[in-house]
Amino acid sequence: MRSQVVIALCVVLAGCGISRQAEQQAAEEPTPPSLNDALAECRHAHPDQITQAVARAGCVIKATQLLRANMPFPDLLDRENEMRKMLAEQVQSGKISLIERNRQMTKFHLSMVAGVSHVVIPLLALNLIDRTLPLRHDIGG
C-alpha cells in the first residue's frame, strides 16, 4: 500500500513538472503581433503622414501582407496596396493633400465593393465564404 502511494505521488509530481515546463515554453514563445498592433507601430514609427507617407505606406503594406493568405480575395488587397503606395508617393511629393488622398482611397474602396458585391453577396448567402473572415479590414494609412 505504501509503495502505491509513493508511486502515485511520483506520478503527480512528474505531471506537475511537465505542466510547468509546458507553461515556461509557452511564455518564452513570442505571440505574433495582431494587425492592430502592427498598424499602431507603423503610426508610431512614421508619425508625419506627409513627409513620411511612403515609409508609412510601406510599413502598412508589410503589416497587411500577414492577412493575405487568409483573405477570400487577396488580389483586392494587392490592388489596395498598389493604390496606397501610389497615393503615398503623391502626398509626399506634394502633388496631392491628405484630404485628397483620403478621398481617393474612399472612392477606390467604393469601386472595389461595387465590383465584388455581385460575387460576395451570393457566396455569403450560400455560406461558401466564412463570415468571420474580413472581406475588407480597416487598414488605415
N, C-alpha and C. Protein backbone atom coordinates (compact mmCIF):
# COMPACT_ATOMS: atom_id res chain seq x y z
N MET A 1 0.82 -1.19 0.00
CA MET A 1 0.00 0.00 0.00
C MET A 1 0.86 1.26 0.00
N ARG A 2 1.87 1.24 0.86
CA ARG A 2 2.75 2.41 0.95
C ARG A 2 3.48 2.65 -0.38
N SER A 3 3.90 1.60 -1.05
CA SER A 3 4.61 1.76 -2.33
C SER A 3 3.67 2.32 -3.40
N GLN A 4 2.38 1.99 -3.32
CA GLN A 4 1.42 2.54 -4.27
C GLN A 4 1.25 4.05 -4.07
N VAL A 5 1.24 4.48 -2.81
CA VAL A 5 1.13 5.91 -2.51
C VAL A 5 2.36 6.65 -3.01
N VAL A 6 3.53 6.07 -2.81
CA VAL A 6 4.76 6.69 -3.27
C VAL A 6 4.77 6.78 -4.79
N ILE A 7 4.33 5.73 -5.48
CA ILE A 7 4.28 5.74 -6.94
C ILE A 7 3.28 6.81 -7.42
N ALA A 8 2.11 6.87 -6.78
CA ALA A 8 1.10 7.87 -7.16
C ALA A 8 1.65 9.28 -6.95
N LEU A 9 2.35 9.49 -5.85
CA LEU A 9 2.94 10.80 -5.57
C LEU A 9 3.99 11.15 -6.62
N CYS A 10 4.79 10.20 -7.03
CA CYS A 10 5.80 10.45 -8.08
C CYS A 10 5.14 10.80 -9.40
N VAL A 11 4.05 10.11 -9.73
CA VAL A 11 3.34 10.39 -10.98
C VAL A 11 2.77 11.80 -10.95
N VAL A 12 2.18 12.19 -9.82
CA VAL A 12 1.61 13.54 -9.68
C VAL A 12 2.71 14.59 -9.81
N LEU A 13 3.83 14.39 -9.16
CA LEU A 13 4.93 15.33 -9.23
C LEU A 13 5.50 15.42 -10.65
N ALA A 14 5.58 14.29 -11.32
CA ALA A 14 6.08 14.29 -12.70
C ALA A 14 5.12 15.08 -13.59
N GLY A 15 3.81 14.91 -13.37
CA GLY A 15 2.82 15.66 -14.13
C GLY A 15 2.94 17.15 -13.90
N CYS A 16 3.21 17.53 -12.65
CA CYS A 16 3.39 18.95 -12.34
C CYS A 16 4.62 19.51 -13.05
N GLY A 17 5.68 18.74 -13.10
CA GLY A 17 6.90 19.18 -13.77
C GLY A 17 6.69 19.36 -15.26
N ILE A 18 5.98 18.43 -15.87
CA ILE A 18 5.70 18.53 -17.31
C ILE A 18 4.80 19.73 -17.58
N SER A 19 3.81 19.93 -16.72
CA SER A 19 2.91 21.08 -16.89
C SER A 19 3.66 22.39 -16.75
N ARG A 20 4.55 22.47 -15.79
CA ARG A 20 5.34 23.69 -15.57
C ARG A 20 6.26 23.95 -16.76
N GLN A 21 6.86 22.89 -17.30
CA GLN A 21 7.74 23.03 -18.46
C GLN A 21 6.96 23.55 -19.67
N ALA A 22 5.75 23.04 -19.85
CA ALA A 22 4.93 23.50 -20.98
C ALA A 22 4.55 24.97 -20.81
N GLU A 23 4.25 25.38 -19.58
CA GLU A 23 3.93 26.78 -19.31
C GLU A 23 5.12 27.69 -19.60
N GLN A 24 6.31 27.27 -19.21
CA GLN A 24 7.50 28.07 -19.47
C GLN A 24 7.78 28.18 -20.96
N GLN A 25 7.59 27.10 -21.71
CA GLN A 25 7.81 27.15 -23.15
C GLN A 25 6.81 28.08 -23.82
N ALA A 26 5.56 28.04 -23.36
CA ALA A 26 4.54 28.91 -23.94
C ALA A 26 4.85 30.37 -23.64
N ALA A 27 5.37 30.65 -22.46
CA ALA A 27 5.71 32.02 -22.09
C ALA A 27 6.91 32.53 -22.89
N GLU A 28 7.82 31.64 -23.26
CA GLU A 28 9.01 32.04 -24.00
C GLU A 28 8.72 32.27 -25.47
N GLU A 29 7.70 31.60 -26.02
CA GLU A 29 7.38 31.75 -27.44
C GLU A 29 6.65 33.07 -27.64
N PRO A 30 7.19 33.94 -28.48
CA PRO A 30 6.52 35.22 -28.70
C PRO A 30 5.23 35.01 -29.50
N THR A 31 4.21 35.73 -29.10
CA THR A 31 2.96 35.65 -29.84
C THR A 31 3.05 36.59 -31.03
N PRO A 32 2.51 36.19 -32.16
CA PRO A 32 2.58 37.07 -33.33
C PRO A 32 1.76 38.34 -33.08
N PRO A 33 2.26 39.46 -33.55
CA PRO A 33 1.53 40.70 -33.31
C PRO A 33 0.24 40.71 -34.12
N SER A 34 -0.76 41.37 -33.57
CA SER A 34 -2.01 41.49 -34.31
C SER A 34 -1.86 42.58 -35.35
N LEU A 35 -2.80 42.64 -36.27
CA LEU A 35 -2.76 43.67 -37.29
C LEU A 35 -2.85 45.05 -36.65
N ASN A 36 -3.72 45.18 -35.66
CA ASN A 36 -3.85 46.48 -34.99
C ASN A 36 -2.55 46.91 -34.34
N ASP A 37 -1.84 45.95 -33.72
CA ASP A 37 -0.55 46.27 -33.11
C ASP A 37 0.46 46.69 -34.18
N ALA A 38 0.47 45.98 -35.29
CA ALA A 38 1.41 46.30 -36.37
C ALA A 38 1.11 47.67 -36.96
N LEU A 39 -0.17 47.99 -37.13
CA LEU A 39 -0.53 49.30 -37.66
C LEU A 39 -0.22 50.42 -36.67
N ALA A 40 -0.41 50.15 -35.40
CA ALA A 40 -0.05 51.14 -34.38
C ALA A 40 1.45 51.39 -34.40
N GLU A 41 2.23 50.35 -34.62
CA GLU A 41 3.68 50.51 -34.71
C GLU A 41 4.04 51.34 -35.95
N CYS A 42 3.33 51.15 -37.04
CA CYS A 42 3.57 51.96 -38.25
C CYS A 42 3.29 53.44 -37.96
N ARG A 43 2.18 53.70 -37.29
CA ARG A 43 1.83 55.10 -36.96
C ARG A 43 2.87 55.70 -36.01
N HIS A 44 3.36 54.89 -35.08
CA HIS A 44 4.36 55.37 -34.12
C HIS A 44 5.72 55.60 -34.80
N ALA A 45 6.10 54.69 -35.68
CA ALA A 45 7.41 54.80 -36.34
C ALA A 45 7.43 55.90 -37.40
N HIS A 46 6.27 56.20 -37.98
CA HIS A 46 6.17 57.20 -39.05
C HIS A 46 5.01 58.14 -38.76
N PRO A 47 5.16 59.00 -37.76
CA PRO A 47 4.03 59.84 -37.33
C PRO A 47 3.64 60.94 -38.31
N ASP A 48 4.58 61.42 -39.12
CA ASP A 48 4.25 62.50 -40.05
C ASP A 48 3.68 61.91 -41.33
N GLN A 49 2.38 62.11 -41.54
CA GLN A 49 1.68 61.49 -42.65
C GLN A 49 2.04 62.11 -44.01
N ILE A 50 2.74 63.23 -43.99
CA ILE A 50 3.11 63.87 -45.25
C ILE A 50 4.56 63.55 -45.60
N THR A 51 5.49 63.94 -44.73
CA THR A 51 6.91 63.74 -45.06
C THR A 51 7.34 62.28 -44.97
N GLN A 52 6.59 61.46 -44.26
CA GLN A 52 6.91 60.04 -44.13
C GLN A 52 5.86 59.15 -44.78
N ALA A 53 5.12 59.71 -45.73
CA ALA A 53 4.00 58.98 -46.34
C ALA A 53 4.43 57.68 -47.00
N VAL A 54 5.53 57.69 -47.74
CA VAL A 54 5.97 56.50 -48.45
C VAL A 54 6.43 55.43 -47.46
N ALA A 55 7.21 55.82 -46.47
CA ALA A 55 7.68 54.85 -45.47
C ALA A 55 6.52 54.28 -44.67
N ARG A 56 5.57 55.14 -44.33
CA ARG A 56 4.41 54.69 -43.57
C ARG A 56 3.57 53.73 -44.41
N ALA A 57 3.34 54.05 -45.67
CA ALA A 57 2.58 53.16 -46.55
C ALA A 57 3.30 51.82 -46.70
N GLY A 58 4.62 51.85 -46.83
CA GLY A 58 5.38 50.60 -46.92
C GLY A 58 5.23 49.74 -45.68
N CYS A 59 5.22 50.39 -44.54
CA CYS A 59 5.04 49.68 -43.27
C CYS A 59 3.64 49.06 -43.20
N VAL A 60 2.64 49.81 -43.60
CA VAL A 60 1.25 49.31 -43.60
C VAL A 60 1.12 48.15 -44.58
N ILE A 61 1.72 48.28 -45.74
CA ILE A 61 1.66 47.21 -46.74
C ILE A 61 2.29 45.94 -46.20
N LYS A 62 3.42 46.08 -45.54
CA LYS A 62 4.09 44.92 -44.95
C LYS A 62 3.22 44.29 -43.87
N ALA A 63 2.58 45.12 -43.06
CA ALA A 63 1.72 44.61 -41.98
C ALA A 63 0.51 43.86 -42.54
N THR A 64 -0.06 44.38 -43.61
CA THR A 64 -1.26 43.75 -44.15
C THR A 64 -0.97 42.46 -44.91
N GLN A 65 0.28 42.25 -45.30
CA GLN A 65 0.62 41.01 -46.00
C GLN A 65 0.38 39.79 -45.13
N LEU A 66 0.36 39.97 -43.81
CA LEU A 66 0.09 38.85 -42.90
C LEU A 66 -1.34 38.34 -43.09
N LEU A 67 -2.24 39.19 -43.54
CA LEU A 67 -3.64 38.81 -43.76
C LEU A 67 -3.87 38.13 -45.09
N ARG A 68 -3.00 38.36 -46.03
CA ARG A 68 -3.25 37.98 -47.41
C ARG A 68 -3.63 36.51 -47.58
N ALA A 69 -2.93 35.63 -46.92
CA ALA A 69 -3.18 34.20 -47.09
C ALA A 69 -4.57 33.78 -46.61
N ASN A 70 -5.14 34.53 -45.70
CA ASN A 70 -6.44 34.17 -45.14
C ASN A 70 -7.60 34.91 -45.78
N MET A 71 -7.32 35.73 -46.75
CA MET A 71 -8.37 36.53 -47.36
C MET A 71 -9.03 35.78 -48.51
N PRO A 72 -10.36 35.93 -48.63
CA PRO A 72 -11.03 35.27 -49.74
C PRO A 72 -10.68 35.88 -51.11
N PHE A 73 -10.30 37.17 -51.12
CA PHE A 73 -9.94 37.85 -52.36
C PHE A 73 -8.62 38.60 -52.17
N PRO A 74 -7.49 37.87 -52.14
CA PRO A 74 -6.21 38.53 -51.87
C PRO A 74 -5.81 39.53 -52.95
N ASP A 75 -6.32 39.36 -54.16
CA ASP A 75 -5.98 40.29 -55.22
C ASP A 75 -6.52 41.69 -54.92
N LEU A 76 -7.60 41.77 -54.15
CA LEU A 76 -8.13 43.09 -53.78
C LEU A 76 -7.17 43.79 -52.82
N LEU A 77 -6.56 43.04 -51.92
CA LEU A 77 -5.56 43.63 -51.03
C LEU A 77 -4.37 44.12 -51.84
N ASP A 78 -3.96 43.35 -52.83
CA ASP A 78 -2.85 43.77 -53.68
C ASP A 78 -3.17 45.07 -54.40
N ARG A 79 -4.38 45.16 -54.94
CA ARG A 79 -4.78 46.39 -55.63
C ARG A 79 -4.84 47.57 -54.66
N GLU A 80 -5.35 47.32 -53.46
CA GLU A 80 -5.42 48.39 -52.46
C GLU A 80 -4.02 48.86 -52.08
N ASN A 81 -3.11 47.93 -51.91
CA ASN A 81 -1.75 48.30 -51.53
C ASN A 81 -1.03 49.04 -52.65
N GLU A 82 -1.30 48.67 -53.89
CA GLU A 82 -0.73 49.43 -55.02
C GLU A 82 -1.24 50.87 -55.01
N MET A 83 -2.54 51.02 -54.76
CA MET A 83 -3.13 52.36 -54.69
C MET A 83 -2.55 53.13 -53.51
N ARG A 84 -2.40 52.47 -52.37
CA ARG A 84 -1.84 53.10 -51.17
C ARG A 84 -0.45 53.64 -51.45
N LYS A 85 0.37 52.83 -52.13
CA LYS A 85 1.74 53.23 -52.43
C LYS A 85 1.76 54.42 -53.40
N MET A 86 0.95 54.35 -54.45
CA MET A 86 0.90 55.42 -55.43
C MET A 86 0.45 56.74 -54.78
N LEU A 87 -0.58 56.68 -53.96
CA LEU A 87 -1.08 57.90 -53.30
C LEU A 87 -0.06 58.43 -52.30
N ALA A 88 0.64 57.55 -51.61
CA ALA A 88 1.66 57.99 -50.64
C ALA A 88 2.77 58.75 -51.36
N GLU A 89 3.17 58.27 -52.52
CA GLU A 89 4.20 58.98 -53.29
C GLU A 89 3.72 60.37 -53.69
N GLN A 90 2.46 60.47 -54.06
CA GLN A 90 1.91 61.77 -54.45
C GLN A 90 1.78 62.72 -53.26
N VAL A 91 1.40 62.18 -52.11
CA VAL A 91 1.30 63.01 -50.90
C VAL A 91 2.69 63.52 -50.51
N GLN A 92 3.65 62.62 -50.47
CA GLN A 92 5.00 63.00 -50.04
C GLN A 92 5.64 64.01 -50.99
N SER A 93 5.34 63.91 -52.27
CA SER A 93 5.91 64.86 -53.24
C SER A 93 5.12 66.17 -53.29
N GLY A 94 4.01 66.24 -52.58
CA GLY A 94 3.22 67.48 -52.53
C GLY A 94 2.23 67.62 -53.67
N LYS A 95 2.06 66.59 -54.46
CA LYS A 95 1.13 66.67 -55.59
C LYS A 95 -0.33 66.63 -55.15
N ILE A 96 -0.61 65.93 -54.04
CA ILE A 96 -1.97 65.90 -53.50
C ILE A 96 -1.92 66.08 -51.99
N SER A 97 -3.04 66.49 -51.41
CA SER A 97 -3.13 66.67 -49.95
C SER A 97 -3.59 65.36 -49.30
N LEU A 98 -3.51 65.32 -47.97
CA LEU A 98 -4.01 64.16 -47.25
C LEU A 98 -5.52 64.01 -47.45
N ILE A 99 -6.22 65.12 -47.51
CA ILE A 99 -7.66 65.06 -47.72
C ILE A 99 -7.96 64.43 -49.09
N GLU A 100 -7.21 64.85 -50.10
CA GLU A 100 -7.40 64.27 -51.43
C GLU A 100 -7.04 62.79 -51.43
N ARG A 101 -5.99 62.44 -50.73
CA ARG A 101 -5.59 61.03 -50.61
C ARG A 101 -6.73 60.23 -50.00
N ASN A 102 -7.30 60.72 -48.91
CA ASN A 102 -8.40 60.02 -48.25
C ASN A 102 -9.61 59.90 -49.17
N ARG A 103 -9.88 60.96 -49.91
CA ARG A 103 -11.00 60.94 -50.85
C ARG A 103 -10.77 59.88 -51.92
N GLN A 104 -9.56 59.82 -52.44
CA GLN A 104 -9.22 58.84 -53.48
C GLN A 104 -9.32 57.41 -52.94
N MET A 105 -8.86 57.19 -51.71
CA MET A 105 -8.95 55.84 -51.12
C MET A 105 -10.40 55.46 -50.92
N THR A 106 -11.22 56.39 -50.46
CA THR A 106 -12.64 56.10 -50.27
C THR A 106 -13.30 55.75 -51.60
N LYS A 107 -12.99 56.51 -52.62
CA LYS A 107 -13.53 56.25 -53.96
C LYS A 107 -13.07 54.87 -54.45
N PHE A 108 -11.80 54.56 -54.20
CA PHE A 108 -11.25 53.26 -54.59
C PHE A 108 -11.98 52.13 -53.87
N HIS A 109 -12.19 52.30 -52.55
CA HIS A 109 -12.88 51.26 -51.77
C HIS A 109 -14.31 51.07 -52.26
N LEU A 110 -14.98 52.16 -52.57
CA LEU A 110 -16.35 52.05 -53.08
C LEU A 110 -16.38 51.29 -54.41
N SER A 111 -15.41 51.57 -55.28
CA SER A 111 -15.37 50.85 -56.56
C SER A 111 -15.06 49.37 -56.35
N MET A 112 -14.22 49.05 -55.36
CA MET A 112 -13.91 47.65 -55.08
C MET A 112 -15.16 46.94 -54.57
N VAL A 113 -15.88 47.57 -53.66
CA VAL A 113 -17.09 46.96 -53.10
C VAL A 113 -18.12 46.74 -54.21
N ALA A 114 -18.30 47.75 -55.05
CA ALA A 114 -19.24 47.62 -56.16
C ALA A 114 -18.81 46.50 -57.11
N GLY A 115 -17.53 46.36 -57.30
CA GLY A 115 -17.02 45.36 -58.23
C GLY A 115 -17.14 43.94 -57.75
N VAL A 116 -17.13 43.71 -56.44
CA VAL A 116 -17.19 42.34 -55.93
C VAL A 116 -18.52 42.00 -55.28
N SER A 117 -19.39 42.97 -55.08
CA SER A 117 -20.63 42.70 -54.36
C SER A 117 -21.49 41.67 -55.08
N HIS A 118 -21.45 41.65 -56.42
CA HIS A 118 -22.24 40.68 -57.17
C HIS A 118 -21.71 39.25 -56.99
N VAL A 119 -20.47 39.12 -56.54
CA VAL A 119 -19.89 37.81 -56.28
C VAL A 119 -20.00 37.45 -54.80
N VAL A 120 -19.70 38.40 -53.93
CA VAL A 120 -19.63 38.13 -52.50
C VAL A 120 -21.01 37.86 -51.90
N ILE A 121 -21.98 38.66 -52.23
CA ILE A 121 -23.30 38.52 -51.60
C ILE A 121 -23.90 37.13 -51.86
N PRO A 122 -23.90 36.62 -53.10
CA PRO A 122 -24.42 35.25 -53.29
C PRO A 122 -23.61 34.19 -52.55
N LEU A 123 -22.29 34.35 -52.48
CA LEU A 123 -21.46 33.37 -51.77
C LEU A 123 -21.75 33.39 -50.28
N LEU A 124 -21.95 34.59 -49.72
CA LEU A 124 -22.32 34.69 -48.31
C LEU A 124 -23.67 34.04 -48.07
N ALA A 125 -24.60 34.27 -48.98
CA ALA A 125 -25.94 33.69 -48.85
C ALA A 125 -25.88 32.17 -48.87
N LEU A 126 -24.98 31.61 -49.64
CA LEU A 126 -24.85 30.16 -49.73
C LEU A 126 -23.89 29.59 -48.68
N ASN A 127 -23.37 30.47 -47.80
CA ASN A 127 -22.40 30.07 -46.77
C ASN A 127 -21.14 29.46 -47.36
N LEU A 128 -20.71 29.97 -48.51
CA LEU A 128 -19.48 29.48 -49.13
C LEU A 128 -18.26 30.30 -48.73
N ILE A 129 -18.50 31.41 -48.02
CA ILE A 129 -17.40 32.23 -47.51
C ILE A 129 -17.57 32.28 -46.01
N ASP A 130 -16.50 32.05 -45.28
CA ASP A 130 -16.53 32.15 -43.83
C ASP A 130 -16.83 33.59 -43.45
N ARG A 131 -17.94 33.81 -42.77
CA ARG A 131 -18.36 35.17 -42.41
C ARG A 131 -17.43 35.83 -41.39
N THR A 132 -16.58 35.04 -40.74
CA THR A 132 -15.67 35.63 -39.76
C THR A 132 -14.44 36.21 -40.42
N LEU A 133 -14.17 35.87 -41.68
CA LEU A 133 -13.00 36.42 -42.37
C LEU A 133 -13.29 37.86 -42.78
N PRO A 134 -12.32 38.73 -42.65
CA PRO A 134 -12.56 40.11 -43.07
C PRO A 134 -12.56 40.21 -44.59
N LEU A 135 -13.63 40.74 -45.14
CA LEU A 135 -13.65 40.95 -46.57
C LEU A 135 -12.93 42.23 -46.91
N ARG A 136 -12.90 43.16 -45.98
CA ARG A 136 -12.12 44.37 -46.12
C ARG A 136 -11.85 44.89 -44.73
N HIS A 137 -10.64 44.78 -44.29
CA HIS A 137 -10.27 45.21 -42.95
C HIS A 137 -9.85 46.66 -42.99
N ASP A 138 -10.22 47.41 -41.97
CA ASP A 138 -9.83 48.83 -41.92
C ASP A 138 -8.35 48.89 -41.64
N ILE A 139 -7.55 49.10 -42.67
CA ILE A 139 -6.10 49.05 -42.52
C ILE A 139 -5.47 50.42 -42.52
N GLY A 140 -6.26 51.43 -42.52
CA GLY A 140 -5.74 52.79 -42.34
C GLY A 140 -4.61 53.16 -43.28
N GLY A 141 -3.99 54.24 -43.04
CA GLY A 141 -2.93 54.67 -43.94
C GLY A 141 -2.07 55.61 -43.25
